[in-house]
C-alpha atoms as a PDB file:
ATOM      1  CA  MET A   1      87.366 104.044  90.675  1.00  0.00           C
ATOM      2  CA  LYS A   2      91.006 104.830  89.783  1.00  0.00           C
ATOM      3  CA  ASN A   3      92.923 102.622  87.396  1.00  0.00           C
ATOM      4  CA  LEU A   4      96.070 101.132  88.805  1.00  0.00           C
ATOM      5  CA  LEU A   5      99.146 100.792  86.650  1.00  0.00           C
ATOM      6  CA  TRP A   6     101.248  97.752  87.470  1.00  0.00           C
ATOM      7  CA  ILE A   7     104.867  97.860  86.438  1.00  0.00           C
ATOM      8  CA  PRO A   8     106.695  94.570  86.787  1.00  0.00           C
ATOM      9  CA  LEU A   9     109.885  94.738  88.790  1.00  0.00           C
ATOM     10  CA  LEU A  10     112.824  93.115  87.078  1.00  0.00           C
ATOM     11  CA  LEU A  11     115.384  91.678  89.431  1.00  0.00           C
ATOM     12  CA  VAL A  12     118.753  91.363  87.801  1.00  0.00           C
ATOM     13  CA  SER A  13     121.748  89.464  89.059  1.00  0.00           C
ATOM     14  CA  CYS A  14     124.576  91.948  89.439  1.00  0.00           C
ATOM     15  CA  GLN A  15     128.289  91.785  90.145  1.00  0.00           C
ATOM     16  CA  PRO A  16     128.030  93.265  93.668  1.00  0.00           C
ATOM     17  CA  CYS A  17     125.777  90.328  94.501  1.00  0.00           C
ATOM     18  CA  PHE A  18     128.797  88.040  94.205  1.00  0.00           C
ATOM     19  CA  ALA A  19     131.241  87.395  96.988  1.00  0.00           C
ATOM     20  CA  GLN A  20     133.898  90.069  96.915  1.00  0.00           C
ATOM     21  CA  VAL A  21     137.657  89.630  96.776  1.00  0.00           C
ATOM     22  CA  ASN A  22     139.984  92.488  97.677  1.00  0.00           C
ATOM     23  CA  LEU A  23     142.510  92.671  94.835  1.00  0.00           C
ATOM     24  CA  ASP A  24     144.817  94.848  96.914  1.00  0.00           C
ATOM     25  CA  LYS A  25     145.184  91.985  99.402  1.00  0.00           C
ATOM     26  CA  ILE A  26     145.771  89.515  96.578  1.00  0.00           C
ATOM     27  CA  ALA A  27     148.495  91.750  95.087  1.00  0.00           C
ATOM     28  CA  PHE A  28     150.189  92.027  98.475  1.00  0.00           C
ATOM     29  CA  ILE A  29     150.148  88.263  99.072  1.00  0.00           C
ATOM     30  CA  GLU A  30     151.207  87.399  95.521  1.00  0.00           C
ATOM     31  CA  SER A  31     153.911  89.977  94.830  1.00  0.00           C
ATOM     32  CA  SER A  32     154.194  92.516  97.667  1.00  0.00           C
ATOM     33  CA  HIS A  33     152.693  94.938  95.116  1.00  0.00           C
ATOM     34  CA  ASN A  34     155.595  94.427  92.699  1.00  0.00           C
ATOM     35  CA  PRO A  35     154.334  94.552  89.086  1.00  0.00           C
ATOM     36  CA  ASP A  36     157.623  93.044  87.871  1.00  0.00           C
ATOM     37  CA  ALA A  37     157.427  89.995  90.163  1.00  0.00           C
ATOM     38  CA  LEU A  38     158.053  86.602  88.589  1.00  0.00           C
ATOM     39  CA  GLY A  39     157.192  83.316  90.240  1.00  0.00           C
ATOM     40  CA  ASP A  40     156.258  79.652  90.051  1.00  0.00           C
ATOM     41  CA  TYR A  41     159.371  78.811  88.072  1.00  0.00           C
ATOM     42  CA  HIS A  42     159.400  75.657  85.978  1.00  0.00           C
ATOM     43  CA  MET A  43     162.495  74.630  84.073  1.00  0.00           C
ATOM     44  CA  GLY A  44     163.999  78.071  84.584  1.00  0.00           C
ATOM     45  CA  LYS A  45     160.999  80.011  83.280  1.00  0.00           C
ATOM     46  CA  PRO A  46     158.432  81.918  85.336  1.00  0.00           C
ATOM     47  CA  ARG A  47     154.901  80.548  85.118  1.00  0.00           C
ATOM     48  CA  SER A  48     153.328  83.526  86.896  1.00  0.00           C
ATOM     49  CA  VAL A  49     153.888  87.239  86.347  1.00  0.00           C
ATOM     50  CA  GLY A  50     153.040  90.599  87.847  1.00  0.00           C
ATOM     51  CA  LEU A  51     151.080  92.017  90.767  1.00  0.00           C
ATOM     52  CA  TYR A  52     148.632  89.127  90.858  1.00  0.00           C
ATOM     53  CA  GLN A  53     151.017  86.457  89.561  1.00  0.00           C
ATOM     54  CA  ILE A  54     148.833  85.691  86.544  1.00  0.00           C
ATOM     55  CA  GLY A  55     149.579  82.222  85.202  1.00  0.00           C
ATOM     56  CA  VAL A  56     149.704  81.185  81.560  1.00  0.00           C
ATOM     57  CA  GLY A  57     146.611  78.974  81.864  1.00  0.00           C
ATOM     58  CA  LEU A  58     144.413  81.729  83.260  1.00  0.00           C
ATOM     59  CA  LEU A  59     145.709  84.169  80.655  1.00  0.00           C
ATOM     60  CA  LYS A  60     144.885  81.700  77.869  1.00  0.00           C
ATOM     61  CA  ASP A  61     141.337  81.331  79.229  1.00  0.00           C
ATOM     62  CA  PHE A  62     141.006  85.134  79.402  1.00  0.00           C
ATOM     63  CA  ASN A  63     142.275  85.541  75.844  1.00  0.00           C
ATOM     64  CA  ASP A  64     139.883  82.866  74.592  1.00  0.00           C
ATOM     65  CA  ALA A  65     136.907  84.464  76.393  1.00  0.00           C
ATOM     66  CA  HIS A  66     137.696  87.992  75.199  1.00  0.00           C
ATOM     67  CA  LYS A  67     139.178  87.245  71.783  1.00  0.00           C
ATOM     68  CA  THR A  68     142.351  89.036  72.819  1.00  0.00           C
ATOM     69  CA  ASP A  69     145.973  88.025  72.458  1.00  0.00           C
ATOM     70  CA  TYR A  70     147.728  89.311  75.552  1.00  0.00           C
ATOM     71  CA  TYR A  71     151.190  87.906  76.096  1.00  0.00           C
ATOM     72  CA  HIS A  72     152.263  86.631  79.473  1.00  0.00           C
ATOM     73  CA  VAL A  73     154.886  89.362  79.817  1.00  0.00           C
ATOM     74  CA  GLU A  74     152.103  91.961  79.485  1.00  0.00           C
ATOM     75  CA  MET A  75     150.838  90.918  82.908  1.00  0.00           C
ATOM     76  CA  ARG A  76     153.572  93.194  84.275  1.00  0.00           C
ATOM     77  CA  SER A  77     151.234  96.046  83.360  1.00  0.00           C
ATOM     78  CA  PRO A  78     149.113  96.710  86.472  1.00  0.00           C
ATOM     79  CA  ASP A  79     146.117  97.705  84.327  1.00  0.00           C
ATOM     80  CA  GLN A  80     146.232  94.587  82.154  1.00  0.00           C
ATOM     81  CA  ALA A  81     146.826  92.306  85.136  1.00  0.00           C
ATOM     82  CA  GLU A  82     143.945  93.877  87.057  1.00  0.00           C
ATOM     83  CA  ARG A  83     141.637  93.348  84.107  1.00  0.00           C
ATOM     84  CA  VAL A  84     142.477  89.626  84.037  1.00  0.00           C
ATOM     85  CA  ALA A  85     142.253  89.217  87.824  1.00  0.00           C
ATOM     86  CA  THR A  86     138.928  91.074  87.991  1.00  0.00           C
ATOM     87  CA  TRP A  87     137.484  88.873  85.259  1.00  0.00           C
ATOM     88  CA  ALA A  88     138.709  85.742  87.031  1.00  0.00           C
ATOM     89  CA  PHE A  89     137.118  86.677  90.358  1.00  0.00           C
ATOM     90  CA  LYS A  90     133.895  88.246  89.072  1.00  0.00           C
ATOM     91  CA  THR A  91     133.086  86.111  86.047  1.00  0.00           C
ATOM     92  CA  TYR A  92     135.271  83.078  85.410  1.00  0.00           C
ATOM     93  CA  PHE A  93     135.527  81.470  88.843  1.00  0.00           C
ATOM     94  CA  PRO A  94     131.884  82.146  89.774  1.00  0.00           C
ATOM     95  CA  ARG A  95     130.802  80.454  86.539  1.00  0.00           C
ATOM     96  CA  ILE A  96     132.944  77.405  87.321  1.00  0.00           C
ATOM     97  CA  LEU A  97     131.735  77.240  90.922  1.00  0.00           C
ATOM     98  CA  LYS A  98     128.090  77.453  89.840  1.00  0.00           C
ATOM     99  CA  SER A  99     128.638  74.695  87.276  1.00  0.00           C
ATOM    100  CA  MET A 100     129.963  72.556  90.146  1.00  0.00           C
ATOM    101  CA  GLY A 101     126.866  73.328  92.193  1.00  0.00           C
ATOM    102  CA  LYS A 102     128.902  75.316  94.714  1.00  0.00           C
ATOM    103  CA  LYS A 103     127.903  78.589  96.316  1.00  0.00           C
ATOM    104  CA  VAL A 104     130.194  81.473  95.369  1.00  0.00           C
ATOM    105  CA  THR A 105     132.033  82.609  98.497  1.00  0.00           C
ATOM    106  CA  THR A 106     135.154  84.675  98.995  1.00  0.00           C
ATOM    107  CA  GLU A 107     137.006  81.658 100.372  1.00  0.00           C
ATOM    108  CA  ARG A 108     136.084  79.482  97.395  1.00  0.00           C
ATOM    109  CA  LEU A 109     137.145  82.206  94.967  1.00  0.00           C
ATOM    110  CA  ILE A 110     140.524  82.369  96.693  1.00  0.00           C
ATOM    111  CA  ILE A 111     140.857  78.588  96.526  1.00  0.00           C
ATOM    112  CA  CYS A 112     140.170  78.740  92.783  1.00  0.00           C
ATOM    113  CA  TRP A 113     142.789  81.467  92.427  1.00  0.00           C
ATOM    114  CA  ASN A 114     145.483  79.733  94.440  1.00  0.00           C
ATOM    115  CA  ALA A 115     144.905  76.015  93.906  1.00  0.00           C
ATOM    116  CA  GLY A 116     142.437  75.826  91.041  1.00  0.00           C
ATOM    117  CA  CYS A 117     138.710  75.164  91.291  1.00  0.00           C
ATOM    118  CA  GLY A 118     139.423  71.455  90.876  1.00  0.00           C
ATOM    119  CA  ALA A 119     140.743  71.407  94.448  1.00  0.00           C
ATOM    120  CA  LEU A 120     137.159  71.987  95.608  1.00  0.00           C
ATOM    121  CA  GLU A 121     135.892  69.180  93.444  1.00  0.00           C
ATOM    122  CA  ARG A 122     138.565  66.826  94.772  1.00  0.00           C
ATOM    123  CA  LYS A 123     137.871  68.096  98.299  1.00  0.00           C
ATOM    124  CA  SER A 124     141.626  68.389  98.659  1.00  0.00           C
ATOM    125  CA  ILE A 125     142.704  71.913  99.640  1.00  0.00           C
ATOM    126  CA  PRO A 126     146.518  72.131  99.806  1.00  0.00           C
ATOM    127  CA  GLU A 127     148.090  73.354 103.030  1.00  0.00           C
ATOM    128  CA  THR A 128     149.700  76.235 101.118  1.00  0.00           C
ATOM    129  CA  THR A 129     146.231  77.369 100.050  1.00  0.00           C
ATOM    130  CA  ARG A 130     144.942  77.154 103.644  1.00  0.00           C
ATOM    131  CA  LYS A 131     147.834  79.417 104.685  1.00  0.00           C
ATOM    132  CA  TYR A 132     147.050  81.744 101.757  1.00  0.00           C
ATOM    133  CA  ILE A 133     143.462  82.096 102.999  1.00  0.00           C
ATOM    134  CA  GLN A 134     144.716  82.910 106.496  1.00  0.00           C
ATOM    135  CA  LYS A 135     147.032  85.609 105.108  1.00  0.00           C
ATOM    136  CA  TYR A 136     144.106  87.040 103.162  1.00  0.00           C
ATOM    137  CA  LYS A 137     141.869  87.129 106.234  1.00  0.00           C
ATOM    138  CA  LYS A 138     144.571  88.830 108.322  1.00  0.00           C
ATOM    139  CA  GLY A 139     145.403  91.211 105.484  1.00  0.00           C
END
């Protein structure tokens, strides 16, 4: 009788398993692909910068998670901004959604990006975010 060799199969959760967000669509909606775009002004100062309109809060969370010290103005660099946006969609928002007991979907990731994940918890999605989702779907 032949001996059988059993090799356990390890199933690993991977990034492609997550809902996907098209960053090109996000850049178009946020800035019309303008890396120098400034927005969300408050008291005369922009609160969001670059292709993806990275806000100061998200950048602080990124810096804390990666032990980096990017400045807000550096989000004008397409490479730096893409790194932050990719992290937000693939790591940060999915972690928050899972902690809320919510399934990670493309629509929920976009809500987190545009209105904050708290909007899902409050079950109060702003009309501007609903329009944002429609633009994304048409994109």
